[in-house]
Amino acid sequence: MRDFTQGKIGKELLIFAAPMLIGSVLQQLYSVADMIIVGRFIGGQALAAVGVAMTITMFVLSSLIGLTTGASVVISQFYGAKQYDNLRRTVSVSITSMLGISVVLTTIGIIFAPNLLRLLNTNEDIFNDAVLYMRILMGGVIFPIFYNMYMAYMRALGDSRRPLYFLIFSSFTNVSMNLFFVIILNWGVAGVAIATIISQMFAAFLSFLYADRRIPMLKVRKLIFDPELFKLILRYGIPPAIQMSLVSFAQLTITRLINSFGSLAMAGITAASRIDQFGMMPAATLSMAMSTFVGQNMGAGLEDRAKKSLHIAGFYMVLCSVMMTAVLIFFRNPLMSLFLNTADPNTPEILRIGSEYLNIMVSFYFLFAILFAFNGFFRGTGDAIIAMVFPVVSLTIRASSAYGLVGLFGMGPEALAWSIPIGWGLSSAASWVYYKKRLWAGKVAVKPTQVEEE
């Protein structure tokens, strides 16, 4: 466990964020390995099917992931204020609620998969594969939820290394099983989905086992339901849950627009988006690390130290983003080619669409860094509402801009790329104004004077 209320801010942030970054890279290998194996060994249409199904699956998962984010903010503040009994009870209440909600969402996802795909105007040539892939993923949705939950809680206590170890094991498991199920057994997209579920199951089990045996504050002796703590979790969990749901909904509207350009456009943008996720990862990871850092310091009453972490982390985030822009612009075509089968006659068109999309978007990563620097700070201070609002506004602007560029100016798939920096830029400007006016102050969940010994 790490106490961020003391020590050099820059050094502590980097030490804490480094394992998180490695873990985020490995976590993305789940989806990237899926896409590479699907694209190279099954084909471009299967790649498009997986892309559509993944968008809907993330929409269904959003509320649960948002609730774990909210609970982790409460946990980090209880930890900073040394209120350990409340911390343990929060963990128990969150597990109870996650179990109930995940069962409901799993049922909805499996039953209504075809209906949801129809709403997105999914092309008939990829529809059956998309339904199959989505239903398998939704059948095991509880595993990524519980892994992400324990990962968030360990990070809230300052431990970013153990989740990394578990993820390394499950990532290698995922890649190995993907190759076995698809290449050797020839199970197609079903094999990719099954491999993903099994590897996520391993990650969830290892995280739970370690927390139960080695972290007393996360050990659950019995499941309870405390209405007051549940309200506190909802206070900080509902805004990110709504945020992620609205973000996912906006992504669905964008996916519907992509589908209007055909399955080749979907395949190209799907591949480009996986590369883009790696490009944004350093800034996004520092944003998450800063939330825990700010949460502990605000819980301890150290506002100046929390604000200083924003300045330091923000500088690191912009620097990383500029570096990633240069790398991805230079290597965009070789990276895109990893996802494509050279024997597929559709490959040149998929490569062209994806490369153009990526080249435009990555040029504005610095705006993403600024937006998420403020967002990480607001989330750590307990201003859950505004931490929800700005990312949602950004994606809403993106979605409306994309439709506007297509409808008013007749643009093609490149409109989807140009709409992204428009959303980042306007939301970053609004975040800066909100920060300077100190509208985030006074939102901390616990008072530093309420000290409770373990």
Protein backbone atom coordinates (compact mmCIF):
# COMPACT_ATOMS: atom_id res chain seq x y z
CA MET A 1 0.00 0.00 0.00
CA ARG A 2 1.20 3.56 -0.68
CA ASP A 3 0.52 6.77 1.22
CA PHE A 4 0.50 9.68 -1.25
CA THR A 5 0.14 12.37 1.41
CA GLN A 6 3.94 12.58 1.66
CA GLY A 7 6.97 12.30 -0.62
CA LYS A 8 7.90 13.94 -3.94
CA ILE A 9 4.81 14.30 -6.08
CA GLY A 10 6.36 13.68 -9.50
CA LYS A 11 8.31 10.64 -8.37
CA GLU A 12 5.37 9.12 -6.50
CA LEU A 13 3.04 9.63 -9.47
CA LEU A 14 5.42 7.99 -11.94
CA ILE A 15 6.21 5.05 -9.66
CA PHE A 16 2.50 4.47 -9.09
CA ALA A 17 1.49 4.99 -12.72
CA ALA A 18 4.18 2.80 -14.32
CA PRO A 19 2.66 -0.58 -13.33
CA MET A 20 -0.78 0.79 -14.20
CA LEU A 21 0.45 1.71 -17.68
CA ILE A 22 1.94 -1.72 -18.23
CA GLY A 23 -1.29 -3.25 -16.95
CA SER A 24 -3.38 -1.08 -19.27
CA VAL A 25 -1.23 -2.12 -22.23
CA LEU A 26 -1.67 -5.77 -21.35
CA GLN A 27 -5.40 -5.32 -20.81
CA GLN A 28 -5.72 -3.85 -24.27
CA LEU A 29 -4.01 -6.95 -25.60
CA TYR A 30 -7.31 -8.74 -24.98
CA SER A 31 -9.08 -6.78 -27.66
CA VAL A 32 -6.04 -6.19 -29.86
CA ALA A 33 -5.14 -9.91 -29.93
CA ASP A 34 -8.77 -10.61 -30.81
CA MET A 35 -8.68 -8.12 -33.66
CA ILE A 36 -5.32 -9.19 -35.09
CA ILE A 37 -6.22 -12.88 -35.06
CA VAL A 38 -9.69 -12.22 -36.46
CA GLY A 39 -8.44 -9.89 -39.18
CA ARG A 40 -5.50 -12.01 -40.30
CA PHE A 41 -6.95 -15.51 -39.95
CA ILE A 42 -10.70 -15.06 -40.46
CA GLY A 43 -11.06 -11.91 -42.58
CA GLY A 44 -12.07 -8.27 -42.80
CA GLN A 45 -15.79 -8.92 -42.43
CA ALA A 46 -15.23 -10.85 -39.20
CA LEU A 47 -13.13 -7.92 -37.98
CA ALA A 48 -16.08 -5.62 -38.62
CA ALA A 49 -18.45 -8.01 -36.80
CA VAL A 50 -16.26 -8.08 -33.69
CA GLY A 51 -15.97 -4.28 -33.77
CA VAL A 52 -19.74 -3.77 -33.78
CA ALA A 53 -20.35 -6.37 -31.06
CA MET A 54 -17.63 -4.93 -28.82
CA THR A 55 -19.23 -1.48 -28.98
CA ILE A 56 -22.56 -2.80 -27.72
CA THR A 57 -20.93 -4.99 -25.08
CA MET A 58 -19.11 -1.98 -23.65
CA PHE A 59 -22.38 -0.09 -23.55
CA VAL A 60 -23.93 -2.83 -21.43
CA LEU A 61 -20.87 -2.98 -19.14
CA SER A 62 -20.63 0.75 -18.63
CA SER A 63 -22.91 1.13 -15.62
CA LEU A 64 -21.09 -1.57 -13.64
CA ILE A 65 -17.63 -0.23 -14.43
CA GLY A 66 -18.82 3.25 -13.47
CA LEU A 67 -20.05 2.03 -10.08
CA THR A 68 -16.67 0.42 -9.33
CA THR A 69 -14.99 3.72 -10.23
CA GLY A 70 -17.23 5.56 -7.79
CA ALA A 71 -16.61 3.04 -5.02
CA SER A 72 -12.84 3.30 -5.54
CA VAL A 73 -13.01 7.08 -4.96
CA VAL A 74 -14.84 6.50 -1.67
CA ILE A 75 -12.30 3.83 -0.69
CA SER A 76 -9.30 6.06 -1.44
CA GLN A 77 -10.78 8.86 0.67
CA PHE A 78 -11.58 6.51 3.57
CA TYR A 79 -8.02 5.23 3.32
CA GLY A 80 -6.57 8.75 3.37
CA ALA A 81 -8.74 9.61 6.40
CA LYS A 82 -7.79 6.26 8.09
CA GLN A 83 -11.44 5.18 8.41
CA TYR A 84 -10.66 1.51 7.84
CA ASP A 85 -13.90 -0.02 9.10
CA ASN A 86 -15.94 2.09 6.68
CA LEU A 87 -13.49 1.09 3.95
CA ARG A 88 -14.09 -2.64 4.53
CA ARG A 89 -17.84 -2.19 4.66
CA THR A 90 -17.74 -0.24 1.39
CA VAL A 91 -15.98 -3.16 -0.31
CA SER A 92 -18.61 -5.62 0.94
CA VAL A 93 -21.53 -3.44 -0.12
CA SER A 94 -20.03 -2.90 -3.57
CA ILE A 95 -19.56 -6.65 -4.14
CA THR A 96 -23.17 -7.32 -3.18
CA SER A 97 -24.50 -4.70 -5.56
CA MET A 98 -22.19 -5.76 -8.42
CA LEU A 99 -23.42 -9.36 -8.21
CA GLY A 100 -27.07 -8.36 -8.51
CA ILE A 101 -26.66 -5.85 -11.31
CA SER A 102 -24.32 -8.04 -13.37
CA VAL A 103 -26.87 -10.88 -13.44
CA VAL A 104 -29.52 -8.52 -14.79
CA LEU A 105 -27.28 -7.05 -17.48
CA THR A 106 -26.02 -10.48 -18.55
CA THR A 107 -29.59 -11.63 -19.13
CA ILE A 108 -30.46 -8.50 -21.09
CA GLY A 109 -27.34 -8.72 -23.23
CA ILE A 110 -27.86 -12.35 -24.21
CA ILE A 111 -31.57 -12.08 -24.98
CA PHE A 112 -31.55 -8.78 -26.84
CA ALA A 113 -28.25 -9.07 -28.76
CA PRO A 114 -29.96 -9.33 -32.19
CA ASN A 115 -32.27 -6.41 -31.42
CA LEU A 116 -29.39 -4.17 -30.36
CA LEU A 117 -27.39 -5.03 -33.47
CA ARG A 118 -30.39 -4.28 -35.67
CA LEU A 119 -30.69 -0.84 -34.09
CA LEU A 120 -27.17 -0.10 -35.32
CA ASN A 121 -28.06 -1.07 -38.89
CA THR A 122 -25.47 -3.83 -38.76
CA ASN A 123 -24.78 -5.11 -42.25
CA GLU A 124 -26.18 -8.53 -43.06
CA ASP A 125 -22.81 -9.93 -44.15
CA ILE A 126 -21.50 -9.61 -40.58
CA PHE A 127 -24.71 -9.89 -38.55
CA ASN A 128 -24.59 -13.56 -37.50
CA ASP A 129 -20.96 -13.39 -36.39
CA ALA A 130 -21.69 -10.22 -34.41
CA VAL A 131 -24.62 -11.87 -32.57
CA LEU A 132 -22.57 -14.95 -31.70
CA TYR A 133 -19.59 -12.95 -30.44
CA MET A 134 -21.75 -10.63 -28.34
CA ARG A 135 -23.76 -13.41 -26.69
CA ILE A 136 -20.64 -15.30 -25.62
CA LEU A 137 -19.07 -12.17 -24.12
CA MET A 138 -22.24 -11.25 -22.26
CA GLY A 139 -22.45 -14.77 -20.83
CA GLY A 140 -19.21 -14.15 -18.94
CA VAL A 141 -19.62 -10.46 -18.16
CA ILE A 142 -19.20 -11.01 -14.42
CA PHE A 143 -15.50 -11.85 -14.82
CA PRO A 144 -14.23 -8.55 -16.30
CA ILE A 145 -16.46 -6.69 -13.85
CA PHE A 146 -14.96 -8.38 -10.79
CA TYR A 147 -11.41 -8.11 -12.10
CA ASN A 148 -11.83 -4.39 -12.78
CA MET A 149 -13.46 -3.95 -9.38
CA TYR A 150 -10.58 -5.47 -7.43
CA MET A 151 -8.04 -3.73 -9.63
CA ALA A 152 -9.67 -0.36 -8.88
CA TYR A 153 -9.79 -1.07 -5.13
CA MET A 154 -6.14 -2.11 -4.96
CA ARG A 155 -5.17 1.06 -6.79
CA ALA A 156 -7.31 3.11 -4.42
CA LEU A 157 -5.08 1.76 -1.62
CA GLY A 158 -1.94 2.64 -3.58
CA ASP A 159 -1.12 -0.85 -4.95
CA SER A 160 -0.70 -0.83 -8.73
CA ARG A 161 1.72 -3.76 -9.06
CA ARG A 162 -0.33 -6.79 -8.04
CA PRO A 163 -3.10 -6.23 -10.62
CA LEU A 164 -0.32 -6.03 -13.22
CA TYR A 165 1.01 -9.47 -12.31
CA PHE A 166 -2.42 -11.05 -12.60
CA LEU A 167 -3.01 -9.33 -15.92
CA ILE A 168 0.30 -10.54 -17.38
CA PHE A 169 -0.74 -14.13 -16.73
CA SER A 170 -4.24 -13.72 -18.12
CA SER A 171 -2.98 -11.82 -21.20
CA PHE A 172 -0.64 -14.63 -22.20
CA THR A 173 -3.50 -17.06 -21.57
CA ASN A 174 -5.78 -15.03 -23.81
CA VAL A 175 -3.34 -14.89 -26.72
CA SER A 176 -2.47 -18.58 -26.49
CA MET A 177 -6.10 -19.69 -26.42
CA ASN A 178 -7.00 -17.31 -29.23
CA LEU A 179 -4.40 -18.93 -31.46
CA PHE A 180 -5.48 -22.43 -30.44
CA PHE A 181 -9.23 -21.92 -30.85
CA VAL A 182 -9.03 -19.98 -34.13
CA ILE A 183 -6.06 -21.45 -35.99
CA ILE A 184 -6.06 -25.05 -34.79
CA LEU A 185 -9.72 -25.70 -33.93
CA ASN A 186 -11.06 -23.24 -36.53
CA TRP A 187 -13.84 -21.98 -34.23
CA GLY A 188 -13.96 -18.53 -35.86
CA VAL A 189 -15.26 -15.55 -33.87
CA ALA A 190 -16.72 -17.91 -31.25
CA GLY A 191 -13.22 -19.12 -30.40
CA VAL A 192 -12.01 -15.55 -29.95
CA ALA A 193 -14.88 -14.75 -27.59
CA ILE A 194 -14.41 -17.94 -25.54
CA ALA A 195 -10.69 -17.27 -25.16
CA THR A 196 -11.41 -13.76 -23.90
CA ILE A 197 -13.91 -14.98 -21.30
CA ILE A 198 -11.60 -17.71 -19.97
CA SER A 199 -8.65 -15.33 -19.60
CA GLN A 200 -10.82 -12.75 -17.84
CA MET A 201 -12.02 -15.46 -15.48
CA PHE A 202 -8.41 -16.19 -14.49
CA ALA A 203 -7.72 -12.49 -13.87
CA ALA A 204 -10.82 -12.11 -11.68
CA PHE A 205 -10.03 -15.24 -9.65
CA LEU A 206 -6.39 -14.31 -9.02
CA SER A 207 -7.33 -10.75 -7.99
CA PHE A 208 -9.95 -11.98 -5.53
CA LEU A 209 -7.65 -14.64 -4.08
CA TYR A 210 -4.82 -12.20 -3.47
CA ALA A 211 -7.07 -9.52 -1.96
CA ASP A 212 -8.75 -12.05 0.31
CA ARG A 213 -5.49 -13.49 1.64
CA ARG A 214 -3.03 -10.59 1.57
CA ILE A 215 -4.97 -7.32 1.92
CA PRO A 216 -6.91 -7.22 5.22
CA MET A 217 -8.80 -4.08 4.24
CA LEU A 218 -10.21 -5.83 1.15
CA LYS A 219 -10.99 -9.13 2.87
CA VAL A 220 -14.73 -9.77 2.87
CA ARG A 221 -15.85 -11.83 5.87
CA LYS A 222 -19.50 -11.65 4.89
CA LEU A 223 -21.59 -9.84 2.33
CA ILE A 224 -23.61 -6.99 3.78
CA PHE A 225 -25.86 -4.27 2.48
CA ASP A 226 -25.50 -0.94 4.26
CA PRO A 227 -28.05 1.55 2.83
CA GLU A 228 -26.01 4.59 3.87
CA LEU A 229 -22.78 3.30 2.34
CA PHE A 230 -24.67 2.23 -0.75
CA LYS A 231 -25.99 5.77 -1.11
CA LEU A 232 -22.43 7.07 -0.79
CA ILE A 233 -21.25 4.64 -3.47
CA LEU A 234 -24.12 5.74 -5.70
CA ARG A 235 -23.28 9.37 -5.04
CA TYR A 236 -19.85 8.84 -6.58
CA GLY A 237 -20.72 5.86 -8.74
CA ILE A 238 -23.82 7.01 -10.60
CA PRO A 239 -22.11 10.00 -12.28
CA PRO A 240 -19.28 7.89 -13.79
CA ALA A 241 -21.82 5.14 -14.58
CA ILE A 242 -23.98 7.67 -16.42
CA GLN A 243 -20.86 9.13 -17.99
CA MET A 244 -19.70 5.78 -19.32
CA SER A 245 -23.20 4.84 -20.43
CA LEU A 246 -23.64 8.12 -22.29
CA VAL A 247 -20.17 7.82 -23.76
CA SER A 248 -20.99 4.30 -24.91
CA PHE A 249 -24.33 5.49 -26.27
CA ALA A 250 -22.56 8.18 -28.25
CA GLN A 251 -20.17 5.51 -29.50
CA LEU A 252 -23.18 3.50 -30.61
CA THR A 253 -24.50 6.43 -32.63
CA ILE A 254 -21.06 6.82 -34.18
CA THR A 255 -20.95 3.08 -34.94
CA ARG A 256 -24.32 3.41 -36.65
CA LEU A 257 -22.86 6.17 -38.82
CA ILE A 258 -19.80 4.04 -39.63
CA ASN A 259 -22.09 1.17 -40.66
CA SER A 260 -23.67 3.49 -43.22
CA PHE A 261 -20.32 3.53 -45.04
CA GLY A 262 -20.23 -0.28 -45.24
CA SER A 263 -18.40 -3.14 -43.54
CA LEU A 264 -15.00 -2.14 -45.00
CA ALA A 265 -15.18 1.24 -43.27
CA MET A 266 -16.15 -0.53 -40.04
CA ALA A 267 -13.17 -2.87 -40.36
CA GLY A 268 -10.70 -0.04 -41.06
CA ILE A 269 -11.92 2.21 -38.24
CA THR A 270 -12.11 -0.76 -35.84
CA ALA A 271 -8.43 -1.55 -36.46
CA ALA A 272 -7.44 2.13 -36.23
CA SER A 273 -9.35 2.50 -32.96
CA ARG A 274 -7.38 -0.33 -31.36
CA ILE A 275 -4.12 1.44 -32.25
CA ASP A 276 -5.60 4.70 -30.98
CA GLN A 277 -6.35 3.12 -27.59
CA PHE A 278 -2.65 2.41 -27.15
CA GLY A 279 -1.78 5.95 -28.17
CA MET A 280 -4.04 7.53 -25.55
CA MET A 281 -3.05 5.07 -22.85
CA PRO A 282 -0.15 6.99 -21.19
CA ALA A 283 -2.30 10.08 -20.63
CA ALA A 284 -5.34 8.07 -19.55
CA THR A 285 -3.25 6.04 -17.09
CA LEU A 286 -1.72 9.15 -15.52
CA SER A 287 -5.25 10.53 -15.18
CA MET A 288 -6.32 7.44 -13.20
CA ALA A 289 -3.18 7.58 -11.04
CA MET A 290 -3.76 11.24 -10.31
CA SER A 291 -7.34 10.51 -9.16
CA THR A 292 -6.05 8.20 -6.42
CA PHE A 293 -3.29 10.68 -5.53
CA VAL A 294 -5.75 13.58 -5.32
CA GLY A 295 -8.32 11.48 -3.46
CA GLN A 296 -5.90 10.57 -0.68
CA ASN A 297 -4.62 14.13 -0.29
CA MET A 298 -8.07 15.68 -0.31
CA GLY A 299 -9.17 13.10 2.28
CA ALA A 300 -6.20 14.19 4.41
CA GLY A 301 -7.00 17.90 3.95
CA LEU A 302 -3.94 18.64 1.74
CA GLU A 303 -5.56 20.65 -1.05
CA ASP A 304 -2.41 22.46 -2.19
CA ARG A 305 -0.59 19.17 -2.65
CA ALA A 306 -3.55 17.81 -4.63
CA LYS A 307 -3.51 20.87 -6.92
CA LYS A 308 0.23 20.61 -7.44
CA SER A 309 -0.21 17.02 -8.61
CA LEU A 310 -2.53 18.30 -11.36
CA HIS A 311 0.18 20.62 -12.69
CA ILE A 312 2.88 17.94 -12.62
CA ALA A 313 0.71 15.13 -14.01
CA GLY A 314 -0.73 17.44 -16.67
CA PHE A 315 2.77 18.26 -17.94
CA TYR A 316 3.67 14.57 -18.12
CA MET A 317 0.42 13.78 -19.92
CA VAL A 318 0.90 16.42 -22.63
CA LEU A 319 4.53 15.35 -23.13
CA CYS A 320 3.54 11.69 -23.52
CA SER A 321 0.77 12.60 -25.92
CA VAL A 322 3.07 14.57 -28.21
CA MET A 323 5.51 11.66 -28.28
CA MET A 324 2.74 9.17 -29.09
CA THR A 325 1.50 11.43 -31.91
CA ALA A 326 4.91 11.34 -33.58
CA VAL A 327 5.24 7.57 -33.22
CA LEU A 328 1.78 6.72 -34.55
CA ILE A 329 1.95 9.09 -37.53
CA PHE A 330 5.26 7.55 -38.61
CA PHE A 331 4.24 3.91 -38.08
CA ARG A 332 0.52 4.05 -38.87
CA ASN A 333 0.62 1.89 -42.01
CA PRO A 334 2.76 -0.94 -40.56
CA LEU A 335 0.58 -0.97 -37.44
CA MET A 336 -2.62 -1.09 -39.45
CA SER A 337 -1.21 -3.95 -41.53
CA LEU A 338 -0.95 -6.11 -38.39
CA PHE A 339 -4.75 -6.43 -38.41
CA LEU A 340 -5.14 -7.30 -42.09
CA ASN A 341 -4.80 -10.38 -44.26
CA THR A 342 -2.78 -9.55 -47.38
CA ALA A 343 -4.67 -12.23 -49.32
CA ASP A 344 -7.99 -10.49 -48.67
CA PRO A 345 -8.95 -8.40 -51.74
CA ASN A 346 -10.56 -5.82 -49.43
CA THR A 347 -7.31 -5.14 -47.57
CA PRO A 348 -6.12 -2.08 -49.60
CA GLU A 349 -9.39 -0.21 -49.04
CA ILE A 350 -9.52 -1.14 -45.35
CA LEU A 351 -5.93 0.04 -44.94
CA ARG A 352 -6.62 3.35 -46.70
CA ILE A 353 -9.67 4.19 -44.58
CA GLY A 354 -8.02 3.20 -41.30
CA SER A 355 -4.75 5.03 -41.98
CA GLU A 356 -6.49 8.29 -42.94
CA TYR A 357 -8.65 8.10 -39.82
CA LEU A 358 -5.65 7.47 -37.56
CA ASN A 359 -3.46 10.18 -39.11
CA ILE A 360 -6.05 12.90 -38.48
CA MET A 361 -7.00 11.87 -34.95
CA VAL A 362 -3.57 11.32 -33.39
CA SER A 363 -2.44 14.80 -34.41
CA PHE A 364 -4.60 16.23 -31.60
CA TYR A 365 -3.66 13.95 -28.70
CA PHE A 366 -2.45 16.97 -26.70
CA LEU A 367 -6.08 18.12 -26.39
CA PHE A 368 -7.06 14.72 -25.00
CA ALA A 369 -4.25 15.01 -22.43
CA ILE A 370 -5.46 18.39 -21.21
CA LEU A 371 -9.07 17.21 -20.92
CA PHE A 372 -8.18 14.09 -18.95
CA ALA A 373 -5.74 15.91 -16.68
CA PHE A 374 -8.61 18.05 -15.42
CA ASN A 375 -10.96 15.08 -15.37
CA GLY A 376 -8.61 13.04 -13.17
CA PHE A 377 -8.31 15.94 -10.76
CA PHE A 378 -12.07 16.52 -10.54
CA ARG A 379 -12.70 12.81 -9.97
CA GLY A 380 -10.16 12.70 -7.14
CA THR A 381 -11.63 15.73 -5.39
CA GLY A 382 -15.00 13.98 -5.28
CA ASP A 383 -16.63 16.23 -7.90
CA ALA A 384 -18.16 13.19 -9.57
CA ILE A 385 -20.81 15.13 -11.46
CA ILE A 386 -18.43 17.36 -13.38
CA ALA A 387 -16.01 14.47 -13.94
CA MET A 388 -18.94 12.89 -15.74
CA VAL A 389 -20.11 15.97 -17.61
CA PHE A 390 -17.00 17.04 -19.54
CA PRO A 391 -16.17 13.66 -21.16
CA VAL A 392 -19.83 13.18 -22.05
CA VAL A 393 -19.98 16.66 -23.55
CA SER A 394 -16.82 15.92 -25.52
CA LEU A 395 -18.24 12.76 -27.06
CA THR A 396 -21.64 14.35 -27.64
CA ILE A 397 -19.94 17.14 -29.57
CA ARG A 398 -17.99 14.50 -31.47
CA ALA A 399 -21.10 12.56 -32.45
CA SER A 400 -23.06 15.64 -33.54
CA SER A 401 -20.03 17.04 -35.40
CA ALA A 402 -19.55 13.75 -37.26
CA TYR A 403 -23.15 13.73 -38.46
CA GLY A 404 -22.89 17.41 -39.32
CA LEU A 405 -19.71 17.00 -41.36
CA VAL A 406 -21.25 14.11 -43.27
CA GLY A 407 -24.68 15.70 -43.76
CA LEU A 408 -23.65 19.31 -44.45
CA PHE A 409 -20.31 18.89 -46.20
CA GLY A 410 -20.66 15.43 -47.72
CA MET A 411 -17.58 14.04 -46.04
CA GLY A 412 -16.87 10.32 -45.86
CA PRO A 413 -15.38 8.26 -42.99
CA GLU A 414 -12.75 10.97 -42.37
CA ALA A 415 -15.51 13.07 -40.78
CA LEU A 416 -15.43 10.68 -37.83
CA ALA A 417 -11.77 11.54 -37.25
CA TRP A 418 -12.13 15.33 -37.57
CA SER A 419 -15.02 15.35 -35.11
CA ILE A 420 -12.83 13.98 -32.27
CA PRO A 421 -10.50 16.99 -31.73
CA ILE A 422 -13.51 19.31 -31.94
CA GLY A 423 -14.98 17.59 -28.88
CA TRP A 424 -11.66 17.44 -27.01
CA GLY A 425 -10.88 21.11 -27.63
CA LEU A 426 -14.19 22.59 -26.52
CA SER A 427 -14.41 20.37 -23.42
CA SER A 428 -10.82 21.17 -22.41
CA ALA A 429 -11.55 24.89 -22.54
CA ALA A 430 -14.65 24.43 -20.37
CA SER A 431 -12.67 22.30 -17.88
CA TRP A 432 -10.03 25.01 -17.49
CA VAL A 433 -12.68 27.63 -16.71
CA TYR A 434 -14.33 25.32 -14.15
CA TYR A 435 -10.99 24.68 -12.44
CA LYS A 436 -9.97 28.35 -12.27
CA LYS A 437 -13.31 29.29 -10.71
CA ARG A 438 -12.81 26.59 -8.01
CA LEU A 439 -16.25 25.16 -8.61
CA TRP A 440 -14.88 21.73 -7.64
CA ALA A 441 -14.05 22.76 -4.05
CA GLY A 442 -15.91 21.28 -1.07
CA LYS A 443 -16.95 18.02 -2.76
CA VAL A 444 -14.75 15.63 -0.73
CA ALA A 445 -16.68 12.68 0.78
CA VAL A 446 -14.93 12.50 4.16
CA LYS A 447 -13.60 15.05 6.63
CA PRO A 448 -9.91 14.82 7.57
CA THR A 449 -10.73 15.34 11.26
CA GLN A 450 -12.70 12.07 11.40
CA VAL A 451 -9.79 9.74 12.12
CA GLU A 452 -10.45 6.14 12.97
CA GLU A 453 -7.61 3.80 13.96
CA GLU A 454 -7.44 0.30 12.56
